[in-house]
Amino acid sequence: MLGSVPLFSSLSKPQVRRIAETAKERSYKAGDVIVRHGEKGIGFYLVLAGEAKVERAGQLVATLGPGQFFGEMALLDEQPRSADVRAGSAVRCLVLSAWEFWAAVGDEPEVLRTLLKETVRRIRTDKAALSE
């Protein structure tokens, strides 16, 4: 599933495998907070099963299902989270910590270029949605 994520889809199978080997699977019960707005971002989450709700200032801004992800900016800068993400149902996520990710791909410019392109695309999409 990781290889189908836009963030990693243009990478080779060995590159995706190297990234996947650093990931951990985590499970959350319905209602659990997965990440909190303002807390230090330490990694990327890929929803494997279930539904995650993204909220800003108490307002639902997105519902994420299997194959969708959040936290890609934390791979780049480890800055505070920009939203709360809560389990809308039982959720399983694949979690990539920033330090494990960089250890696996820090010398791979293709991975870095792909990560930046997808992050910029998501920022532009979010910015357009905010202006409407």
N, C-alpha and C. Protein backbone atom coordinates (compact mmCIF):
# COMPACT_ATOMS: atom_id res chain seq x y z
N MET A 1 0.83 -1.20 0.00
CA MET A 1 0.00 0.00 0.00
C MET A 1 0.87 1.25 0.00
N LEU A 2 2.02 1.22 0.66
CA LEU A 2 2.90 2.38 0.74
C LEU A 2 3.33 2.83 -0.66
N GLY A 3 3.58 1.88 -1.55
CA GLY A 3 4.00 2.21 -2.91
C GLY A 3 2.94 2.89 -3.74
N SER A 4 1.68 2.81 -3.35
CA SER A 4 0.60 3.46 -4.09
C SER A 4 0.32 4.88 -3.61
N VAL A 5 0.94 5.28 -2.51
CA VAL A 5 0.78 6.64 -1.98
C VAL A 5 1.50 7.60 -2.92
N PRO A 6 0.86 8.72 -3.33
CA PRO A 6 1.50 9.65 -4.26
C PRO A 6 2.90 10.08 -3.81
N LEU A 7 3.08 10.17 -2.53
CA LEU A 7 4.36 10.56 -1.96
C LEU A 7 5.49 9.61 -2.37
N PHE A 8 5.16 8.33 -2.54
CA PHE A 8 6.18 7.31 -2.81
C PHE A 8 5.97 6.55 -4.11
N SER A 9 4.91 6.86 -4.87
CA SER A 9 4.54 6.05 -6.03
C SER A 9 5.55 6.06 -7.16
N SER A 10 6.36 7.09 -7.28
CA SER A 10 7.34 7.12 -8.37
C SER A 10 8.68 6.50 -7.98
N LEU A 11 8.76 5.98 -6.77
CA LEU A 11 10.00 5.37 -6.31
C LEU A 11 10.10 3.91 -6.77
N SER A 12 11.31 3.40 -6.80
CA SER A 12 11.51 1.99 -7.16
C SER A 12 11.03 1.09 -6.02
N LYS A 13 10.77 -0.16 -6.35
CA LYS A 13 10.34 -1.11 -5.32
C LYS A 13 11.37 -1.25 -4.20
N PRO A 14 12.68 -1.31 -4.51
CA PRO A 14 13.66 -1.37 -3.41
C PRO A 14 13.63 -0.12 -2.51
N GLN A 15 13.39 1.06 -3.10
CA GLN A 15 13.31 2.29 -2.29
C GLN A 15 12.09 2.24 -1.37
N VAL A 16 10.94 1.82 -1.90
CA VAL A 16 9.72 1.72 -1.09
C VAL A 16 9.91 0.66 0.00
N ARG A 17 10.52 -0.45 -0.36
CA ARG A 17 10.76 -1.51 0.62
C ARG A 17 11.65 -1.02 1.75
N ARG A 18 12.68 -0.25 1.42
CA ARG A 18 13.59 0.29 2.45
C ARG A 18 12.82 1.20 3.40
N ILE A 19 11.94 2.03 2.86
CA ILE A 19 11.12 2.91 3.70
C ILE A 19 10.16 2.09 4.55
N ALA A 20 9.48 1.12 3.94
CA ALA A 20 8.50 0.29 4.66
C ALA A 20 9.14 -0.47 5.81
N GLU A 21 10.38 -0.88 5.65
CA GLU A 21 11.05 -1.63 6.71
C GLU A 21 11.26 -0.81 7.97
N THR A 22 11.23 0.52 7.85
CA THR A 22 11.42 1.38 9.02
C THR A 22 10.11 1.70 9.73
N ALA A 23 8.98 1.36 9.10
CA ALA A 23 7.66 1.73 9.62
C ALA A 23 7.19 0.79 10.71
N LYS A 24 6.28 1.32 11.53
CA LYS A 24 5.64 0.54 12.59
C LYS A 24 4.13 0.64 12.39
N GLU A 25 3.43 -0.44 12.70
CA GLU A 25 1.98 -0.41 12.61
C GLU A 25 1.41 -0.05 13.98
N ARG A 26 0.43 0.86 13.98
CA ARG A 26 -0.23 1.29 15.22
C ARG A 26 -1.74 1.17 15.03
N SER A 27 -2.42 0.84 16.12
CA SER A 27 -3.88 0.73 16.10
C SER A 27 -4.48 1.73 17.08
N TYR A 28 -5.65 2.25 16.72
CA TYR A 28 -6.35 3.24 17.54
C TYR A 28 -7.83 2.85 17.61
N LYS A 29 -8.45 3.08 18.77
CA LYS A 29 -9.88 2.84 18.94
C LYS A 29 -10.65 4.08 18.48
N ALA A 30 -11.91 3.87 18.13
CA ALA A 30 -12.77 5.00 17.74
C ALA A 30 -12.73 6.06 18.83
N GLY A 31 -12.51 7.30 18.42
CA GLY A 31 -12.44 8.42 19.35
C GLY A 31 -11.05 8.76 19.83
N ASP A 32 -10.09 7.85 19.68
CA ASP A 32 -8.71 8.14 20.10
C ASP A 32 -8.12 9.28 19.28
N VAL A 33 -7.35 10.13 19.95
CA VAL A 33 -6.61 11.17 19.24
C VAL A 33 -5.32 10.54 18.73
N ILE A 34 -5.10 10.63 17.42
CA ILE A 34 -3.89 10.08 16.81
C ILE A 34 -2.78 11.11 16.90
N VAL A 35 -3.07 12.34 16.49
CA VAL A 35 -2.13 13.46 16.68
C VAL A 35 -2.94 14.69 17.09
N ARG A 36 -2.29 15.57 17.83
CA ARG A 36 -2.93 16.80 18.31
C ARG A 36 -2.32 18.03 17.66
N HIS A 37 -3.20 18.97 17.33
CA HIS A 37 -2.75 20.26 16.84
C HIS A 37 -1.77 20.85 17.84
N GLY A 38 -0.65 21.36 17.34
CA GLY A 38 0.32 22.03 18.20
C GLY A 38 1.41 21.13 18.77
N GLU A 39 1.18 19.80 18.79
CA GLU A 39 2.25 18.94 19.30
C GLU A 39 3.32 18.75 18.23
N LYS A 40 4.52 18.45 18.66
CA LYS A 40 5.62 18.28 17.72
C LYS A 40 5.31 17.14 16.76
N GLY A 41 5.45 17.43 15.48
CA GLY A 41 5.24 16.41 14.46
C GLY A 41 6.48 15.53 14.35
N ILE A 42 6.30 14.24 14.51
CA ILE A 42 7.46 13.36 14.45
C ILE A 42 7.39 12.37 13.31
N GLY A 43 6.34 12.43 12.50
CA GLY A 43 6.30 11.48 11.41
C GLY A 43 5.04 11.50 10.57
N PHE A 44 5.00 10.52 9.69
CA PHE A 44 4.02 10.34 8.63
C PHE A 44 3.12 9.15 8.99
N TYR A 45 1.83 9.26 8.70
CA TYR A 45 0.87 8.20 8.98
C TYR A 45 0.14 7.82 7.69
N LEU A 46 0.09 6.54 7.41
CA LEU A 46 -0.68 6.01 6.29
C LEU A 46 -1.82 5.19 6.89
N VAL A 47 -3.07 5.54 6.54
CA VAL A 47 -4.22 4.81 7.05
C VAL A 47 -4.31 3.47 6.30
N LEU A 48 -4.22 2.39 7.05
CA LEU A 48 -4.32 1.04 6.47
C LEU A 48 -5.75 0.53 6.51
N ALA A 49 -6.48 0.86 7.58
CA ALA A 49 -7.86 0.41 7.74
C ALA A 49 -8.58 1.39 8.64
N GLY A 50 -9.88 1.56 8.41
CA GLY A 50 -10.68 2.44 9.24
C GLY A 50 -10.76 3.85 8.68
N GLU A 51 -11.20 4.77 9.54
CA GLU A 51 -11.44 6.15 9.13
C GLU A 51 -10.85 7.10 10.15
N ALA A 52 -10.06 8.08 9.67
CA ALA A 52 -9.48 9.10 10.53
C ALA A 52 -10.09 10.45 10.17
N LYS A 53 -10.42 11.23 11.19
CA LYS A 53 -11.04 12.55 11.00
C LYS A 53 -10.01 13.64 11.27
N VAL A 54 -9.85 14.55 10.31
CA VAL A 54 -8.93 15.68 10.46
C VAL A 54 -9.75 16.89 10.85
N GLU A 55 -9.37 17.53 11.97
CA GLU A 55 -10.13 18.67 12.48
C GLU A 55 -9.22 19.85 12.75
N ARG A 56 -9.71 21.03 12.41
CA ARG A 56 -9.02 22.28 12.74
C ARG A 56 -10.01 23.16 13.48
N ALA A 57 -9.61 23.63 14.65
CA ALA A 57 -10.46 24.49 15.48
C ALA A 57 -11.84 23.85 15.68
N GLY A 58 -11.85 22.53 15.87
CA GLY A 58 -13.10 21.83 16.13
C GLY A 58 -13.95 21.55 14.92
N GLN A 59 -13.52 21.98 13.74
CA GLN A 59 -14.27 21.77 12.50
C GLN A 59 -13.67 20.62 11.70
N LEU A 60 -14.50 19.72 11.23
CA LEU A 60 -14.05 18.62 10.38
C LEU A 60 -13.62 19.18 9.04
N VAL A 61 -12.38 18.91 8.64
CA VAL A 61 -11.88 19.39 7.35
C VAL A 61 -11.62 18.26 6.36
N ALA A 62 -11.49 17.03 6.86
CA ALA A 62 -11.28 15.89 5.96
C ALA A 62 -11.54 14.59 6.71
N THR A 63 -11.94 13.59 5.96
CA THR A 63 -12.05 12.23 6.47
C THR A 63 -11.13 11.38 5.61
N LEU A 64 -10.23 10.66 6.26
CA LEU A 64 -9.24 9.87 5.54
C LEU A 64 -9.53 8.38 5.73
N GLY A 65 -9.42 7.64 4.63
CA GLY A 65 -9.63 6.20 4.67
C GLY A 65 -8.39 5.46 4.21
N PRO A 66 -8.50 4.16 4.04
CA PRO A 66 -7.35 3.35 3.64
C PRO A 66 -6.66 3.90 2.39
N GLY A 67 -5.34 3.98 2.49
CA GLY A 67 -4.53 4.50 1.38
C GLY A 67 -4.27 5.99 1.47
N GLN A 68 -5.00 6.69 2.32
CA GLN A 68 -4.78 8.12 2.49
C GLN A 68 -3.83 8.35 3.66
N PHE A 69 -3.27 9.54 3.73
CA PHE A 69 -2.19 9.77 4.68
C PHE A 69 -2.21 11.19 5.21
N PHE A 70 -1.42 11.39 6.28
CA PHE A 70 -1.22 12.72 6.86
C PHE A 70 0.15 12.73 7.53
N GLY A 71 0.65 13.92 7.79
CA GLY A 71 1.92 14.06 8.50
C GLY A 71 3.15 14.12 7.61
N GLU A 72 2.96 14.26 6.30
CA GLU A 72 4.13 14.30 5.43
C GLU A 72 5.01 15.52 5.69
N MET A 73 4.41 16.64 6.14
CA MET A 73 5.23 17.82 6.46
C MET A 73 6.14 17.54 7.65
N ALA A 74 5.70 16.68 8.57
CA ALA A 74 6.53 16.35 9.73
C ALA A 74 7.80 15.61 9.33
N LEU A 75 7.76 14.91 8.18
CA LEU A 75 8.98 14.28 7.69
C LEU A 75 10.02 15.33 7.30
N LEU A 76 9.54 16.50 6.88
CA LEU A 76 10.44 17.56 6.43
C LEU A 76 10.94 18.45 7.56
N ASP A 77 10.04 18.81 8.49
CA ASP A 77 10.46 19.86 9.44
C ASP A 77 10.22 19.58 10.92
N GLU A 78 9.51 18.53 11.28
CA GLU A 78 9.22 18.17 12.67
C GLU A 78 8.62 19.34 13.47
N GLN A 79 7.89 20.20 12.78
CA GLN A 79 7.23 21.34 13.43
C GLN A 79 5.89 20.90 14.02
N PRO A 80 5.27 21.75 14.82
CA PRO A 80 3.99 21.39 15.45
C PRO A 80 2.92 21.03 14.42
N ARG A 81 2.08 20.11 14.80
CA ARG A 81 0.98 19.64 13.95
C ARG A 81 0.03 20.78 13.64
N SER A 82 -0.50 20.77 12.41
CA SER A 82 -1.40 21.84 11.98
C SER A 82 -2.87 21.49 12.19
N ALA A 83 -3.15 20.28 12.67
CA ALA A 83 -4.54 19.86 12.88
C ALA A 83 -4.57 18.71 13.88
N ASP A 84 -5.76 18.44 14.41
CA ASP A 84 -5.99 17.24 15.20
C ASP A 84 -6.40 16.14 14.22
N VAL A 85 -5.98 14.92 14.50
CA VAL A 85 -6.48 13.77 13.75
C VAL A 85 -6.96 12.77 14.78
N ARG A 86 -8.22 12.37 14.62
CA ARG A 86 -8.88 11.48 15.58
C ARG A 86 -9.41 10.26 14.83
N ALA A 87 -9.39 9.12 15.49
CA ALA A 87 -9.94 7.90 14.89
C ALA A 87 -11.45 8.01 14.86
N GLY A 88 -12.03 7.97 13.66
CA GLY A 88 -13.49 8.01 13.52
C GLY A 88 -14.10 6.64 13.72
N SER A 89 -13.27 5.62 13.60
CA SER A 89 -13.63 4.22 13.83
C SER A 89 -12.34 3.55 14.30
N ALA A 90 -12.36 2.25 14.48
CA ALA A 90 -11.09 1.58 14.75
C ALA A 90 -10.18 1.83 13.54
N VAL A 91 -8.95 2.25 13.81
CA VAL A 91 -8.03 2.62 12.74
C VAL A 91 -6.70 1.91 12.93
N ARG A 92 -6.15 1.44 11.81
CA ARG A 92 -4.77 0.94 11.80
C ARG A 92 -3.97 1.84 10.88
N CYS A 93 -2.80 2.28 11.34
CA CYS A 93 -1.93 3.15 10.56
C CYS A 93 -0.53 2.58 10.48
N LEU A 94 0.13 2.84 9.37
CA LEU A 94 1.55 2.59 9.24
C LEU A 94 2.21 3.92 9.57
N VAL A 95 3.14 3.92 10.51
CA VAL A 95 3.75 5.16 11.00
C VAL A 95 5.24 5.16 10.66
N LEU A 96 5.67 6.23 10.00
CA LEU A 96 7.09 6.42 9.68
C LEU A 96 7.60 7.59 10.51
N SER A 97 8.54 7.33 11.40
CA SER A 97 9.12 8.44 12.16
C SER A 97 10.12 9.17 11.27
N ALA A 98 10.27 10.46 11.51
CA ALA A 98 11.16 11.27 10.69
C ALA A 98 12.60 10.75 10.76
N TRP A 99 13.07 10.40 11.95
CA TRP A 99 14.47 9.98 12.06
C TRP A 99 14.72 8.65 11.36
N GLU A 100 13.77 7.72 11.41
CA GLU A 100 13.92 6.44 10.70
C GLU A 100 13.84 6.67 9.19
N PHE A 101 12.92 7.53 8.78
CA PHE A 101 12.76 7.84 7.36
C PHE A 101 14.05 8.41 6.79
N TRP A 102 14.63 9.41 7.46
CA TRP A 102 15.85 10.05 6.95
C TRP A 102 17.03 9.09 6.96
N ALA A 103 17.10 8.21 7.93
CA ALA A 103 18.17 7.21 7.95
C ALA A 103 18.06 6.29 6.74
N ALA A 104 16.83 6.00 6.32
CA ALA A 104 16.62 5.09 5.19
C ALA A 104 16.82 5.76 3.84
N VAL A 105 16.47 7.05 3.71
CA VAL A 105 16.46 7.67 2.38
C VAL A 105 17.21 8.99 2.29
N GLY A 106 17.92 9.40 3.31
CA GLY A 106 18.57 10.70 3.33
C GLY A 106 19.52 10.96 2.17
N ASP A 107 20.05 9.90 1.58
CA ASP A 107 20.97 10.08 0.46
C ASP A 107 20.32 9.76 -0.88
N GLU A 108 18.99 9.81 -0.94
CA GLU A 108 18.23 9.49 -2.15
C GLU A 108 17.52 10.75 -2.67
N PRO A 109 18.15 11.51 -3.58
CA PRO A 109 17.53 12.76 -4.05
C PRO A 109 16.17 12.56 -4.71
N GLU A 110 15.94 11.42 -5.34
CA GLU A 110 14.65 11.16 -5.98
C GLU A 110 13.53 11.09 -4.94
N VAL A 111 13.81 10.48 -3.81
CA VAL A 111 12.83 10.40 -2.73
C VAL A 111 12.52 11.79 -2.21
N LEU A 112 13.56 12.59 -2.01
CA LEU A 112 13.38 13.95 -1.49
C LEU A 112 12.58 14.81 -2.46
N ARG A 113 12.86 14.72 -3.75
CA ARG A 113 12.14 15.50 -4.76
C ARG A 113 10.66 15.11 -4.76
N THR A 114 10.37 13.83 -4.69
CA THR A 114 8.99 13.35 -4.67
C THR A 114 8.26 13.85 -3.44
N LEU A 115 8.90 13.78 -2.30
CA LEU A 115 8.31 14.25 -1.04
C LEU A 115 7.97 15.74 -1.12
N LEU A 116 8.88 16.53 -1.64
CA LEU A 116 8.64 17.97 -1.77
C LEU A 116 7.50 18.27 -2.74
N LYS A 117 7.47 17.59 -3.89
CA LYS A 117 6.41 17.83 -4.86
C LYS A 117 5.03 17.54 -4.28
N GLU A 118 4.90 16.42 -3.58
CA GLU A 118 3.60 16.06 -3.00
C GLU A 118 3.21 17.03 -1.88
N THR A 119 4.17 17.45 -1.10
CA THR A 119 3.88 18.40 -0.03
C THR A 119 3.39 19.73 -0.60
N VAL A 120 4.05 20.21 -1.63
CA VAL A 120 3.63 21.47 -2.27
C VAL A 120 2.24 21.31 -2.89
N ARG A 121 1.97 20.18 -3.53
CA ARG A 121 0.65 19.94 -4.12
C ARG A 121 -0.43 20.01 -3.05
N ARG A 122 -0.17 19.40 -1.89
CA ARG A 122 -1.17 19.40 -0.82
C ARG A 122 -1.34 20.79 -0.22
N ILE A 123 -0.28 21.55 -0.11
CA ILE A 123 -0.39 22.93 0.39
C ILE A 123 -1.22 23.77 -0.56
N ARG A 124 -0.97 23.63 -1.85
CA ARG A 124 -1.74 24.40 -2.85
C ARG A 124 -3.22 24.01 -2.81
N THR A 125 -3.50 22.73 -2.70
CA THR A 125 -4.88 22.27 -2.63
C THR A 125 -5.56 22.81 -1.39
N ASP A 126 -4.88 22.74 -0.27
CA ASP A 126 -5.43 23.25 1.00
C ASP A 126 -5.65 24.75 0.92
N LYS A 127 -4.69 25.47 0.34
CA LYS A 127 -4.80 26.92 0.23
C LYS A 127 -6.00 27.29 -0.63
N ALA A 128 -6.21 26.57 -1.72
CA ALA A 128 -7.37 26.84 -2.58
C ALA A 128 -8.67 26.59 -1.84
N ALA A 129 -8.72 25.52 -1.06
CA ALA A 129 -9.93 25.19 -0.30
C ALA A 129 -10.19 26.26 0.76
N LEU A 130 -9.14 26.79 1.39
CA LEU A 130 -9.31 27.80 2.42
C LEU A 130 -9.81 29.13 1.84
N SER A 131 -9.46 29.41 0.58
CA SER A 131 -9.84 30.69 -0.01
C SER A 131 -11.27 30.68 -0.55
N GLU A 132 -11.89 29.51 -0.64
CA GLU A 132 -13.26 29.41 -1.17
C GLU A 132 -14.29 29.63 -0.09
